[in-house]
């Protein structure tokens, strides 16, 4: 969960920095918002690749743990218990 918050806060920081730089450069209104999102997306693609990779590993590990628990529960349900006749 820490990887998620680290990556999310880093993305927001890049977006805020892009917004500030574009505002100082003279962009205003909807153009400012659109350009800030596009620029921050491009910067994040390269700058935050390491954080994104850690987030991917974290999500995959969590999904695997959930899958393992579901598989164990299914296997436990499939075990035939002896009935009253033996």
Protein backbone atom coordinates (compact mmCIF):
# COMPACT_ATOMS: atom_id res chain seq x y z
CA UNK A 1 0.00 0.00 0.00
CA UNK A 2 2.96 2.28 0.62
CA UNK A 3 4.04 1.98 -3.02
CA UNK A 4 0.59 3.18 -4.10
CA UNK A 5 0.70 6.30 -1.93
CA UNK A 6 4.30 7.09 -2.87
CA UNK A 7 3.52 6.89 -6.59
CA UNK A 8 0.26 8.85 -6.23
CA UNK A 9 1.90 11.67 -4.26
CA UNK A 10 4.78 11.81 -6.75
CA UNK A 11 2.30 12.11 -9.64
CA UNK A 12 0.44 14.89 -7.85
CA UNK A 13 3.72 16.71 -7.17
CA UNK A 14 4.69 16.52 -10.85
CA UNK A 15 1.22 17.78 -11.82
CA UNK A 16 1.46 20.69 -9.37
CA UNK A 17 4.94 21.60 -10.59
CA UNK A 18 3.79 21.48 -14.22
CA UNK A 19 0.78 23.61 -13.34
CA UNK A 20 2.99 26.19 -11.62
CA UNK A 21 5.55 26.40 -14.41
CA UNK A 22 2.87 26.74 -17.09
CA UNK A 23 1.04 29.39 -15.04
CA UNK A 24 4.21 31.45 -14.73
CA UNK A 25 4.78 30.96 -18.47
CA UNK A 26 1.42 32.59 -19.13
CA UNK A 27 -1.05 29.73 -19.70
CA UNK A 28 -4.49 30.34 -18.23
CA UNK A 29 -7.90 28.69 -18.05
CA UNK A 30 -8.67 25.37 -19.68
CA UNK A 31 -5.46 25.55 -21.70
CA UNK A 32 -3.47 25.59 -18.45
CA UNK A 33 -5.27 22.52 -17.14
CA UNK A 34 -4.94 20.53 -20.37
CA UNK A 35 -1.28 21.41 -20.85
CA UNK A 36 -0.45 20.65 -17.19
CA UNK A 37 -2.04 17.19 -17.44
CA UNK A 38 -0.27 16.41 -20.71
CA UNK A 39 3.13 17.71 -19.62
CA UNK A 40 2.95 15.99 -16.23
CA UNK A 41 1.96 12.74 -17.92
CA UNK A 42 4.97 12.86 -20.21
CA UNK A 43 7.34 13.79 -17.40
CA UNK A 44 5.93 11.08 -15.13
CA UNK A 45 6.34 8.46 -17.83
CA UNK A 46 10.12 8.81 -17.67
CA UNK A 47 10.75 10.30 -14.25
CA UNK A 48 8.58 7.95 -12.20
CA UNK A 49 9.24 4.66 -14.01
CA UNK A 50 11.01 3.17 -10.98
CA UNK A 51 8.12 3.98 -8.66
CA UNK A 52 5.66 2.65 -11.22
CA UNK A 53 7.60 -0.63 -11.43
CA UNK A 54 7.54 -1.00 -7.63
CA UNK A 55 3.81 -0.33 -7.63
CA UNK A 56 3.30 -3.00 -10.29
CA UNK A 57 5.24 -5.58 -8.25
CA UNK A 58 3.24 -4.67 -5.15
CA UNK A 59 -0.11 -5.02 -6.94
CA UNK A 60 0.90 -8.33 -8.52
CA UNK A 61 2.02 -9.73 -5.16
CA UNK A 62 -1.26 -8.72 -3.54
CA UNK A 63 -3.27 -10.25 -6.38
CA UNK A 64 -1.26 -13.48 -6.07
CA UNK A 65 -1.94 -13.68 -2.32
CA UNK A 66 -5.66 -13.21 -2.94
CA UNK A 67 -5.60 -15.82 -5.69
CA UNK A 68 -3.76 -18.28 -3.43
CA UNK A 69 -6.35 -17.81 -0.66
CA UNK A 70 -9.21 -18.35 -3.12
CA UNK A 71 -7.52 -21.49 -4.46
CA UNK A 72 -7.04 -22.82 -0.92
CA UNK A 73 -10.70 -22.17 -0.10
CA UNK A 74 -11.83 -23.91 -3.30
CA UNK A 75 -9.60 -26.90 -2.58
CA UNK A 76 -10.96 -27.13 0.96
CA UNK A 77 -14.53 -27.14 -0.38
CA UNK A 78 -13.72 -29.88 -2.87
CA UNK A 79 -12.51 -32.37 -0.23
CA UNK A 80 -15.20 -35.00 0.16
CA UNK A 81 -16.21 -35.56 3.73
CA UNK A 82 -17.43 -38.99 4.66
CA UNK A 83 -21.21 -39.14 4.86
CA UNK A 84 -23.34 -40.90 7.47
CA UNK A 85 -22.98 -44.18 5.57
CA UNK A 86 -19.23 -44.18 5.69
